[in-house]
Amino acid sequence: MAKNNFMQKLAVMPLYEEVKLSQDELGIITNYLQFESIEDDSIDLYCIHCKEHSIFKPVDKKQLHTGRVNSYAFYNKIMPYAGLHFECTRNYDHIFEMQIMYLNESIVKIGQYPSKADLESPGWNKYSKVIPGKYLSDIKKAIGLSAHGIGAGSFVYLRRVIEYLINEAYQSALSSSSIDEEQYIKSRIVEKILLLKDFLPKVLVDNKEAYSILSKGVHELEEEECIENFGLLCSTNELILDEILTEKKRLEREAT
């Protein structure tokens, strides 16, 4: 577990999101730049090289040829940019870096490596057993767009995944003669989900309004509103795919 909630929050938040700093939080960054009390600033992230979660600890600033001058300049806004460098405790050659800017008593993350999409994407790969690769790619694109503050665009890619699941359910319903095709075609999307409730994951049926939000986001919501809702909708997609994957595994066990 990461010891410092602020550093952890900073590591996983999207780029260009302005966060108001408390004096304590400013002190955390200042201490980091002065390499003081850095043992409390470890963070828990997926390591793209180890291919598993790991604890990353701050790199000793002496190794980076930085120190108190950078700290003073950052704190007093003489040089309001700073780099935060962390190394994987499994392998010190595996680095996580953030570039931050201090602006109007707030902090903005203006750069990061590896990207947020790279850090979050591996967790989605397990769903390759239940949805085609191009839809996994859509989810990863959505995460990447959201990380760069592109809200409506991220919604487009999330919506494609839901549309794929609905269409697959529709084809199953048709093949078993379990649906009135004419009624389905005339129905709105939420009504279609209800018509297909026996062929869709329960999570999707119970959260059918999620699709409406995705559609509204593409056409009506402001970018900020899309970004605010992205995490919830992405988590809903994950729960839907979890249910599908669990059911697939259950059927496989029963078949053996």
Protein backbone atom coordinates (compact mmCIF):
# COMPACT_ATOMS: atom_id res chain seq x y z
CA MET A 1 0.00 0.00 0.00
CA ALA A 2 1.09 3.54 -0.72
CA LYS A 3 1.78 5.46 2.46
CA ASN A 4 1.01 8.90 1.13
CA ASN A 5 -2.54 9.43 -0.10
CA PHE A 6 -1.74 12.74 -1.78
CA MET A 7 1.10 11.35 -3.88
CA GLN A 8 -1.07 8.35 -4.79
CA LYS A 9 -3.91 10.65 -5.83
CA LEU A 10 -1.52 12.72 -7.92
CA ALA A 11 -0.14 9.62 -9.63
CA VAL A 12 -3.53 8.35 -10.84
CA MET A 13 -5.34 11.60 -11.63
CA PRO A 14 -5.72 12.70 -15.30
CA LEU A 15 -3.39 15.20 -16.94
CA TYR A 16 -4.25 18.89 -16.83
CA GLU A 17 -6.72 18.56 -13.97
CA GLU A 18 -6.24 21.48 -11.59
CA VAL A 19 -6.18 20.48 -7.92
CA LYS A 20 -6.26 23.02 -5.11
CA LEU A 21 -3.34 22.51 -2.74
CA SER A 22 -3.48 22.69 1.02
CA GLN A 23 -0.39 23.87 2.88
CA ASP A 24 0.18 20.30 4.03
CA GLU A 25 0.09 19.03 0.45
CA LEU A 26 2.43 21.77 -0.72
CA GLY A 27 4.70 20.73 2.12
CA ILE A 28 4.66 17.14 0.90
CA ILE A 29 5.89 18.21 -2.53
CA THR A 30 8.45 20.57 -1.04
CA ASN A 31 9.78 17.82 1.22
CA TYR A 32 9.97 15.53 -1.76
CA LEU A 33 12.03 18.06 -3.73
CA GLN A 34 14.31 18.51 -0.70
CA PHE A 35 14.54 14.71 -0.34
CA GLU A 36 13.23 14.99 3.22
CA SER A 37 10.89 12.32 4.65
CA ILE A 38 10.64 10.71 1.24
CA GLU A 39 10.18 7.29 2.81
CA ASP A 40 6.54 8.27 3.39
CA ASP A 41 5.91 9.16 -0.25
CA SER A 42 5.77 5.70 -1.82
CA ILE A 43 2.97 4.92 -4.27
CA ASP A 44 1.28 1.74 -5.44
CA LEU A 45 1.12 1.39 -9.25
CA TYR A 46 1.14 -1.19 -12.00
CA CYS A 47 4.68 -1.59 -13.33
CA ILE A 48 4.56 -1.98 -17.11
CA HIS A 49 7.94 -3.73 -17.06
CA CYS A 50 7.34 -6.15 -14.17
CA LYS A 51 3.79 -6.61 -15.49
CA GLU A 52 2.32 -6.54 -11.99
CA HIS A 53 1.53 -4.06 -9.24
CA SER A 54 4.49 -2.76 -7.31
CA ILE A 55 5.46 -0.16 -4.74
CA PHE A 56 7.33 2.80 -6.23
CA LYS A 57 9.51 4.87 -3.96
CA PRO A 58 10.89 8.36 -4.64
CA VAL A 59 14.27 8.45 -6.34
CA ASP A 60 17.00 10.01 -4.23
CA LYS A 61 17.30 13.55 -5.62
CA LYS A 62 21.09 13.37 -5.38
CA GLN A 63 20.93 10.88 -8.22
CA LEU A 64 18.97 13.40 -10.31
CA HIS A 65 21.29 16.35 -9.60
CA THR A 66 18.46 18.33 -8.05
CA GLY A 67 17.83 19.51 -4.50
CA ARG A 68 17.03 22.50 -2.33
CA VAL A 69 17.35 25.08 -5.11
CA ASN A 70 14.54 23.41 -7.05
CA SER A 71 12.46 23.18 -3.89
CA TYR A 72 12.89 26.88 -3.07
CA ALA A 73 12.17 27.93 -6.65
CA PHE A 74 9.05 25.75 -6.83
CA TYR A 75 7.67 26.86 -3.47
CA ASN A 76 8.16 30.54 -4.28
CA LYS A 77 6.94 30.22 -7.87
CA ILE A 78 10.27 31.39 -9.27
CA MET A 79 10.30 28.18 -11.28
CA PRO A 80 6.81 26.70 -10.95
CA TYR A 81 7.66 23.39 -12.63
CA ALA A 82 9.00 20.26 -11.02
CA GLY A 83 9.65 16.63 -11.82
CA LEU A 84 8.67 13.85 -9.44
CA HIS A 85 10.60 10.63 -10.01
CA PHE A 86 9.85 7.20 -8.55
CA GLU A 87 11.51 3.81 -8.95
CA CYS A 88 9.97 0.36 -8.73
CA THR A 89 11.12 -1.46 -5.62
CA ARG A 90 11.25 -4.70 -7.62
CA ASN A 91 13.71 -3.22 -10.11
CA TYR A 92 15.18 0.25 -9.68
CA ASP A 93 15.59 0.62 -13.45
CA HIS A 94 11.79 0.75 -13.80
CA ILE A 95 10.80 4.40 -13.42
CA PHE A 96 7.55 6.31 -12.98
CA GLU A 97 7.76 10.07 -13.55
CA MET A 98 5.40 13.03 -13.25
CA GLN A 99 5.85 16.62 -14.35
CA ILE A 100 3.83 19.12 -12.33
CA MET A 101 3.14 22.84 -12.44
CA TYR A 102 2.26 25.06 -9.48
CA LEU A 103 -0.40 27.55 -10.56
CA ASN A 104 -2.64 29.88 -8.50
CA GLU A 105 -2.30 27.85 -5.29
CA SER A 106 -3.15 24.74 -7.30
CA ILE A 107 -1.17 21.96 -8.89
CA VAL A 108 -1.57 20.64 -12.43
CA LYS A 109 0.00 17.43 -13.69
CA ILE A 110 1.30 18.33 -17.16
CA GLY A 111 3.18 15.14 -17.99
CA GLN A 112 3.61 11.52 -16.99
CA TYR A 113 5.44 8.33 -17.96
CA PRO A 114 4.18 5.67 -18.29
CA SER A 115 0.85 7.13 -19.39
CA LYS A 116 -2.34 6.65 -17.41
CA ALA A 117 -3.68 4.45 -20.22
CA ASP A 118 -0.58 2.22 -20.06
CA LEU A 119 -0.94 1.86 -16.31
CA GLU A 120 -4.64 0.97 -16.44
CA SER A 121 -4.79 -1.05 -19.66
CA PRO A 122 -3.36 -4.38 -18.37
CA GLY A 123 -6.32 -4.91 -16.09
CA TRP A 124 -8.60 -4.97 -19.11
CA ASN A 125 -6.67 -7.63 -21.02
CA LYS A 126 -8.38 -10.45 -19.11
CA TYR A 127 -11.60 -9.58 -20.95
CA SER A 128 -10.09 -10.65 -24.28
CA LYS A 129 -11.85 -13.97 -23.63
CA VAL A 130 -15.30 -12.37 -23.82
CA ILE A 131 -15.06 -9.41 -26.23
CA PRO A 132 -13.12 -8.88 -29.49
CA GLY A 133 -9.77 -7.14 -29.31
CA LYS A 134 -10.99 -4.05 -31.13
CA TYR A 135 -13.42 -3.30 -28.29
CA LEU A 136 -10.68 -3.72 -25.69
CA SER A 137 -8.74 -1.26 -27.81
CA ASP A 138 -11.72 1.10 -27.69
CA ILE A 139 -11.73 0.96 -23.88
CA LYS A 140 -8.02 1.73 -23.76
CA LYS A 141 -8.50 4.62 -26.20
CA ALA A 142 -11.27 5.95 -23.97
CA ILE A 143 -8.98 5.82 -20.93
CA GLY A 144 -6.25 7.61 -22.86
CA LEU A 145 -8.57 10.35 -24.11
CA SER A 146 -10.01 10.88 -20.64
CA ALA A 147 -6.49 11.14 -19.20
CA HIS A 148 -5.87 14.02 -21.61
CA GLY A 149 -9.09 15.82 -20.69
CA ILE A 150 -11.08 14.74 -23.76
CA GLY A 151 -14.46 13.82 -22.34
CA ALA A 152 -16.94 13.44 -25.19
CA GLY A 153 -14.42 11.56 -27.30
CA SER A 154 -13.84 9.07 -24.50
CA PHE A 155 -17.60 8.51 -24.27
CA VAL A 156 -17.74 7.55 -27.96
CA TYR A 157 -15.39 4.63 -27.38
CA LEU A 158 -17.13 3.44 -24.22
CA ARG A 159 -20.46 3.55 -26.04
CA ARG A 160 -19.15 1.26 -28.77
CA VAL A 161 -18.55 -1.47 -26.20
CA ILE A 162 -22.11 -1.26 -24.87
CA GLU A 163 -23.50 -1.24 -28.43
CA TYR A 164 -21.51 -4.37 -29.23
CA LEU A 165 -22.92 -6.20 -26.19
CA ILE A 166 -26.47 -5.13 -27.04
CA ASN A 167 -26.11 -6.27 -30.65
CA GLU A 168 -24.70 -9.63 -29.57
CA ALA A 169 -27.65 -10.10 -27.21
CA TYR A 170 -30.04 -9.13 -29.99
CA GLN A 171 -28.58 -11.74 -32.33
CA SER A 172 -28.95 -14.39 -29.62
CA ALA A 173 -32.56 -13.37 -29.02
CA LEU A 174 -33.30 -13.54 -32.74
CA SER A 175 -31.77 -16.98 -33.13
CA SER A 176 -33.95 -18.31 -30.34
CA SER A 177 -37.07 -16.47 -31.57
CA SER A 178 -37.30 -14.74 -28.20
CA ILE A 179 -37.92 -11.22 -29.43
CA ASP A 180 -40.31 -9.31 -31.67
CA GLU A 181 -37.96 -7.88 -34.30
CA GLU A 182 -40.32 -5.10 -35.36
CA GLN A 183 -40.90 -3.99 -31.78
CA TYR A 184 -37.16 -4.05 -31.12
CA ILE A 185 -36.35 -1.88 -34.13
CA LYS A 186 -38.91 0.73 -33.08
CA SER A 187 -37.73 0.82 -29.45
CA ARG A 188 -35.41 3.35 -27.85
CA ILE A 189 -32.11 2.07 -26.54
CA VAL A 190 -33.19 1.74 -22.89
CA GLU A 191 -36.32 -0.12 -24.03
CA LYS A 192 -34.14 -2.40 -26.16
CA ILE A 193 -32.06 -3.25 -23.13
CA LEU A 194 -35.20 -4.20 -21.23
CA LEU A 195 -36.41 -6.35 -24.15
CA LEU A 196 -33.05 -8.15 -24.07
CA LYS A 197 -32.81 -8.45 -20.30
CA ASP A 198 -32.64 -12.27 -20.47
CA PHE A 199 -29.66 -12.08 -22.82
CA LEU A 200 -27.68 -9.23 -21.28
CA PRO A 201 -25.58 -9.07 -18.11
CA LYS A 202 -27.67 -8.12 -15.10
CA VAL A 203 -25.28 -5.24 -14.34
CA LEU A 204 -26.04 -3.69 -17.73
CA VAL A 205 -29.79 -4.11 -17.32
CA ASP A 206 -29.70 -2.65 -13.80
CA ASN A 207 -27.57 0.27 -15.02
CA LYS A 208 -29.26 0.80 -18.38
CA GLU A 209 -29.24 4.57 -17.79
CA ALA A 210 -25.47 4.42 -18.24
CA TYR A 211 -25.92 4.14 -21.98
CA SER A 212 -28.21 7.17 -21.93
CA ILE A 213 -25.49 9.13 -20.13
CA LEU A 214 -22.95 8.00 -22.73
CA SER A 215 -25.20 9.16 -25.55
CA LYS A 216 -26.00 12.41 -23.79
CA GLY A 217 -22.32 12.99 -23.19
CA VAL A 218 -21.54 12.74 -26.89
CA HIS A 219 -24.23 15.24 -27.83
CA GLU A 220 -25.04 17.44 -24.85
CA LEU A 221 -22.73 17.30 -21.83
CA GLU A 222 -19.83 19.69 -21.40
CA GLU A 223 -16.32 18.25 -21.48
CA GLU A 224 -15.95 18.76 -17.72
CA GLU A 225 -19.17 16.81 -17.06
CA CYS A 226 -17.98 13.97 -19.27
CA ILE A 227 -14.65 13.81 -17.43
CA GLU A 228 -16.44 13.82 -14.06
CA ASN A 229 -18.65 10.89 -15.12
CA PHE A 230 -16.00 8.91 -16.95
CA GLY A 231 -14.69 6.99 -13.95
CA LEU A 232 -18.15 5.78 -12.94
CA LEU A 233 -19.07 4.72 -16.47
CA CYS A 234 -15.74 3.00 -17.01
CA SER A 235 -16.23 1.11 -13.74
CA THR A 236 -19.73 0.10 -14.90
CA ASN A 237 -18.25 -1.30 -18.11
CA GLU A 238 -15.76 -3.23 -16.01
CA LEU A 239 -18.51 -4.71 -13.83
CA ILE A 240 -20.47 -5.72 -16.92
CA LEU A 241 -17.47 -7.51 -18.40
CA ASP A 242 -16.71 -9.10 -15.03
CA GLU A 243 -20.18 -10.62 -15.01
CA ILE A 244 -19.75 -11.97 -18.54
CA LEU A 245 -16.34 -13.40 -17.70
CA THR A 246 -17.61 -15.03 -14.50
CA GLU A 247 -20.49 -16.64 -16.39
CA LYS A 248 -18.12 -17.91 -19.07
CA LYS A 249 -15.88 -19.50 -16.45
CA ARG A 250 -18.91 -21.08 -14.74
CA LEU A 251 -20.07 -22.65 -18.00
CA GLU A 252 -16.56 -23.93 -18.70
CA ARG A 253 -16.39 -25.56 -15.25
CA GLU A 254 -19.76 -27.23 -15.77
CA ALA A 255 -18.63 -28.56 -19.14
CA THR A 256 -15.58 -30.31 -17.66
